């Protein structure tokens, strides 16, 4: 018998197994450009922060062209790293973080690679990742999920928005304060699928300012969508 979650703020919040089934049927399980190599994923996520998906992908491709082998970063200057990624904004800060991480990993492990994480327990690997400069739990869990296939749940803004509109308790303010609690309450077997499909839903339909509930695949079970569609129908009468 499948277990149920208990993070609902309202009694009419849908079961997450039902949510996952509908979203997986609608979106499949997209990777959103994420990488199978953990070091590549780390740089990809760092470049994705505070910019658009298209800018992230463009920055990553430019950085990869400049450094086709990541160990080449060990001798790179700040200017050499900043130049290919600068157009996306925050180039100075991003380049500094990348170089700090490069130096730290080489200092710890003697070479620029995160392959050693594969042999670690999930908690141990996460602990190492968040010890790196500029790496938080969301970034660490993206690496663990996409590159190492660990059953974690990176809580990004799209996931938080969708969960909240579904009636689950996601407090206002910093998501970093509730990411452990929410991860612990989502069944491990659903974490990957819910993360990637909620990102798709949040980008395409359940947007921040004007969610398009009329075409949302969850419109028949989402309490927010049901309420909004009912209000729209009343206005049309």
Protein backbone atom coordinates (compact mmCIF):
# COMPACT_ATOMS: atom_id res chain seq x y z
CA UNK A 1 0.00 0.00 0.00
CA UNK A 2 1.47 3.36 -0.98
CA UNK A 3 2.23 5.89 1.71
CA UNK A 4 0.71 9.35 1.72
CA UNK A 5 2.27 12.69 2.47
CA UNK A 6 1.29 15.02 5.25
CA UNK A 7 2.40 18.46 4.14
CA UNK A 8 -1.03 19.65 3.06
CA UNK A 9 -2.19 22.96 4.48
CA UNK A 10 -5.79 22.33 3.36
CA UNK A 11 -7.90 19.16 3.46
CA UNK A 12 -8.66 19.27 -0.29
CA UNK A 13 -5.01 19.20 -1.36
CA UNK A 14 -4.46 16.36 -3.85
CA UNK A 15 -2.39 13.28 -3.16
CA UNK A 16 1.15 13.68 -4.51
CA UNK A 17 1.02 10.29 -6.21
CA UNK A 18 -1.90 11.56 -8.29
CA UNK A 19 -0.05 14.81 -9.03
CA UNK A 20 3.07 12.94 -10.11
CA UNK A 21 1.13 10.55 -12.35
CA UNK A 22 -0.62 13.39 -14.19
CA UNK A 23 2.51 15.51 -14.58
CA UNK A 24 4.66 12.59 -15.74
CA UNK A 25 2.02 11.65 -18.33
CA UNK A 26 1.92 15.25 -19.55
CA UNK A 27 5.63 16.18 -19.50
CA UNK A 28 7.44 12.82 -19.28
CA UNK A 29 10.67 13.39 -17.25
CA UNK A 30 12.71 16.20 -18.88
CA UNK A 31 16.30 16.87 -17.77
CA UNK A 32 16.18 20.62 -18.50
CA UNK A 33 19.72 20.57 -19.87
CA UNK A 34 21.21 19.21 -16.67
CA UNK A 35 24.42 17.20 -16.85
CA UNK A 36 25.39 13.65 -15.96
CA UNK A 37 28.92 14.68 -14.92
CA UNK A 38 28.73 16.13 -11.38
CA UNK A 39 31.36 18.81 -11.99
CA UNK A 40 29.64 19.88 -15.20
CA UNK A 41 26.33 19.99 -13.34
CA UNK A 42 27.87 22.13 -10.61
CA UNK A 43 29.06 24.74 -13.09
CA UNK A 44 25.76 24.53 -15.01
CA UNK A 45 23.72 25.24 -11.87
CA UNK A 46 26.01 28.07 -10.78
CA UNK A 47 25.50 29.68 -14.19
CA UNK A 48 21.72 29.21 -13.96
CA UNK A 49 21.28 31.31 -10.82
CA UNK A 50 19.57 34.68 -11.31
CA UNK A 51 19.37 34.40 -15.08
CA UNK A 52 17.13 32.87 -17.73
CA UNK A 53 17.34 29.28 -18.95
CA UNK A 54 18.52 30.45 -22.38
CA UNK A 55 21.27 32.62 -20.87
CA UNK A 56 22.36 29.74 -18.65
CA UNK A 57 22.68 27.36 -21.58
CA UNK A 58 24.48 29.95 -23.68
CA UNK A 59 26.90 30.73 -20.82
CA UNK A 60 27.60 27.07 -20.18
CA UNK A 61 28.25 26.35 -23.86
CA UNK A 62 30.62 29.33 -24.08
CA UNK A 63 32.48 28.23 -20.96
CA UNK A 64 32.76 24.69 -22.31
CA UNK A 65 34.19 25.96 -25.59
CA UNK A 66 36.75 28.01 -23.70
CA UNK A 67 37.62 25.07 -21.43
CA UNK A 68 36.85 21.81 -23.28
CA UNK A 69 38.50 19.90 -20.42
CA UNK A 70 37.64 21.13 -16.95
CA UNK A 71 41.19 20.60 -15.56
CA UNK A 72 42.20 23.50 -17.84
CA UNK A 73 40.45 25.76 -15.30
CA UNK A 74 43.20 25.07 -12.78
CA UNK A 75 45.51 27.49 -14.66
CA UNK A 76 42.84 29.95 -15.78
CA UNK A 77 42.77 33.62 -14.83
CA UNK A 78 39.67 35.38 -13.59
CA UNK A 79 39.43 37.27 -16.89
CA UNK A 80 39.61 34.05 -18.93
CA UNK A 81 36.70 32.56 -16.98
CA UNK A 82 34.67 35.75 -16.86
CA UNK A 83 34.88 36.55 -20.58
CA UNK A 84 32.72 33.65 -21.94
CA UNK A 85 30.05 34.00 -19.23
CA UNK A 86 29.95 37.77 -18.76
CA UNK A 87 27.03 38.47 -21.10
CA UNK A 88 24.56 36.71 -18.77
CA UNK A 89 25.29 39.12 -15.93
CA UNK A 90 27.13 38.67 -12.65
CA UNK A 91 30.13 37.47 -14.64
CA UNK A 92 32.63 38.74 -12.09
CA UNK A 93 30.92 36.98 -9.19
CA UNK A 94 30.30 33.75 -11.10
CA UNK A 95 33.91 33.58 -12.31
CA UNK A 96 35.19 34.13 -8.77
CA UNK A 97 32.99 31.34 -7.40
CA UNK A 98 34.06 28.93 -10.15
CA UNK A 99 37.74 29.58 -9.51
CA UNK A 100 37.31 29.29 -5.74
CA UNK A 101 35.61 25.94 -6.21
CA UNK A 102 38.32 24.75 -8.59
CA UNK A 103 41.05 25.59 -6.08
CA UNK A 104 39.15 23.99 -3.21
CA UNK A 105 38.52 20.67 -4.99
CA UNK A 106 42.12 20.43 -6.16
CA UNK A 107 43.31 21.20 -2.64
CA UNK A 108 41.02 18.53 -1.16
CA UNK A 109 41.38 15.79 -3.76
CA UNK A 110 44.52 16.56 -5.76
CA UNK A 111 42.66 16.90 -9.05
CA UNK A 112 39.65 18.67 -10.49
CA UNK A 113 36.93 16.04 -10.39
CA UNK A 114 33.82 15.23 -8.36
CA UNK A 115 33.77 11.57 -9.38
CA UNK A 116 34.62 10.61 -5.80
CA UNK A 117 31.11 11.63 -4.73
CA UNK A 118 29.68 8.51 -6.34
CA UNK A 119 31.23 6.34 -3.61
CA UNK A 120 29.81 8.49 -0.79
CA UNK A 121 26.54 8.16 1.04
CA UNK A 122 24.04 10.80 -0.02
CA UNK A 123 24.26 12.82 3.20
CA UNK A 124 28.05 12.74 3.12
CA UNK A 125 28.15 13.84 -0.51
CA UNK A 126 25.72 16.67 0.19
CA UNK A 127 27.78 17.78 3.16
CA UNK A 128 30.89 18.03 1.01
CA UNK A 129 29.10 19.91 -1.76
CA UNK A 130 27.62 22.55 0.54
CA UNK A 131 31.08 23.11 2.00
CA UNK A 132 32.22 24.44 -1.40
CA UNK A 133 32.17 28.23 -1.92
CA UNK A 134 28.78 29.48 -3.06
CA UNK A 135 27.09 26.06 -3.05
CA UNK A 136 23.80 25.74 -1.19
CA UNK A 137 21.53 22.76 -0.64
CA UNK A 138 19.48 23.33 -3.78
CA UNK A 139 22.60 23.29 -5.95
CA UNK A 140 24.00 20.29 -4.08
CA UNK A 141 20.77 18.37 -4.48
CA UNK A 142 20.59 19.12 -8.21
CA UNK A 143 24.02 17.53 -8.54
CA UNK A 144 23.00 14.58 -6.39
CA UNK A 145 19.75 14.08 -8.31
CA UNK A 146 20.76 14.67 -11.93
CA UNK A 147 24.35 13.40 -11.87
CA UNK A 148 24.35 10.78 -9.11
CA UNK A 149 20.72 9.60 -9.29
CA UNK A 150 20.10 10.08 -5.57
CA UNK A 151 16.51 10.37 -4.26
CA UNK A 152 16.66 14.01 -3.19
CA UNK A 153 14.32 16.94 -3.89
CA UNK A 154 15.91 20.28 -4.85
CA UNK A 155 13.36 22.91 -3.85
CA UNK A 156 13.47 25.61 -6.49
CA UNK A 157 11.02 28.47 -6.93
CA UNK A 158 8.88 26.65 -9.53
CA UNK A 159 8.44 23.58 -7.31
CA UNK A 160 7.63 25.75 -4.31
CA UNK A 161 5.04 27.76 -6.26
CA UNK A 162 3.31 24.65 -7.63
CA UNK A 163 3.24 22.95 -4.23
CA UNK A 164 1.82 26.05 -2.60
CA UNK A 165 -0.94 26.42 -5.20
CA UNK A 166 -1.78 22.76 -4.77
CA UNK A 167 -2.46 23.59 -1.12
CA UNK A 168 0.71 22.29 0.47
CA UNK A 169 2.32 24.26 3.24
CA UNK A 170 5.27 26.17 1.82
CA UNK A 171 5.97 29.17 4.06
CA UNK A 172 6.63 32.61 2.63
CA UNK A 173 10.19 33.89 2.73
CA UNK A 174 13.40 32.00 2.14
CA UNK A 175 12.88 28.53 0.70
CA UNK A 176 16.15 27.52 2.31
CA UNK A 177 14.38 27.47 5.67
CA UNK A 178 11.93 24.74 4.66
CA UNK A 179 13.73 22.67 2.01
CA UNK A 180 14.73 19.87 4.41
CA UNK A 181 11.23 19.52 5.83
CA UNK A 182 9.61 19.42 2.41
CA UNK A 183 12.15 16.95 1.04
CA UNK A 184 11.60 14.64 4.02
CA UNK A 185 7.85 14.66 3.47
CA UNK A 186 7.93 13.84 -0.25
CA UNK A 187 8.18 10.09 -0.95
CA UNK A 188 11.68 9.31 -2.30
CA UNK A 189 10.29 7.47 -5.34
CA UNK A 190 8.44 10.63 -6.44
CA UNK A 191 11.19 13.20 -5.89
CA UNK A 192 12.90 13.15 -9.28
CA UNK A 193 9.71 13.08 -11.32
CA UNK A 194 7.98 15.77 -9.27
CA UNK A 195 11.00 18.06 -9.37
CA UNK A 196 11.50 17.98 -13.14
CA UNK A 197 7.82 18.07 -14.07
CA UNK A 198 6.97 20.85 -11.62
CA UNK A 199 9.73 22.92 -13.19
CA UNK A 200 8.12 22.36 -16.59
CA UNK A 201 4.69 23.23 -15.23
CA UNK A 202 6.01 26.33 -13.47
CA UNK A 203 7.73 27.59 -16.59
CA UNK A 204 4.96 26.87 -19.08
CA UNK A 205 1.65 27.11 -17.25
CA UNK A 206 1.78 27.74 -13.49
CA UNK A 207 3.73 30.96 -13.87
CA UNK A 208 4.35 33.40 -11.07
CA UNK A 209 2.12 36.30 -12.10
CA UNK A 210 -0.56 34.89 -14.38
CA UNK A 211 -1.05 31.11 -14.16
CA UNK A 212 -2.93 29.69 -17.13
CA UNK A 213 -5.24 27.43 -15.17
CA UNK A 214 -7.50 26.81 -18.17
CA UNK A 215 -4.93 24.56 -19.83
CA UNK A 216 -3.14 23.23 -16.75
CA UNK A 217 -3.01 19.41 -16.60
CA UNK A 218 -3.74 19.66 -12.84
CA UNK A 219 -6.81 21.90 -13.23
CA UNK A 220 -9.25 19.22 -12.03
CA UNK A 221 -7.38 18.49 -8.77
CA UNK A 222 -5.61 21.77 -7.93
CA UNK A 223 -7.59 23.75 -5.32
CA UNK A 224 -6.15 27.07 -6.54
CA UNK A 225 -6.98 26.27 -10.15
CA UNK A 226 -10.46 25.06 -9.30
CA UNK A 227 -11.17 28.27 -7.36
CA UNK A 228 -9.78 30.52 -10.09
CA UNK A 229 -11.74 28.76 -12.85
CA UNK A 230 -14.93 28.92 -10.79
CA UNK A 231 -14.43 32.66 -10.26
CA UNK A 232 -13.80 33.15 -13.98
CA UNK A 233 -17.02 31.32 -14.86
CA UNK A 234 -19.00 33.52 -12.44
CA UNK A 235 -17.57 36.66 -14.07
CA UNK A 236 -18.67 35.40 -17.50
CA UNK A 237 -22.30 34.99 -16.47
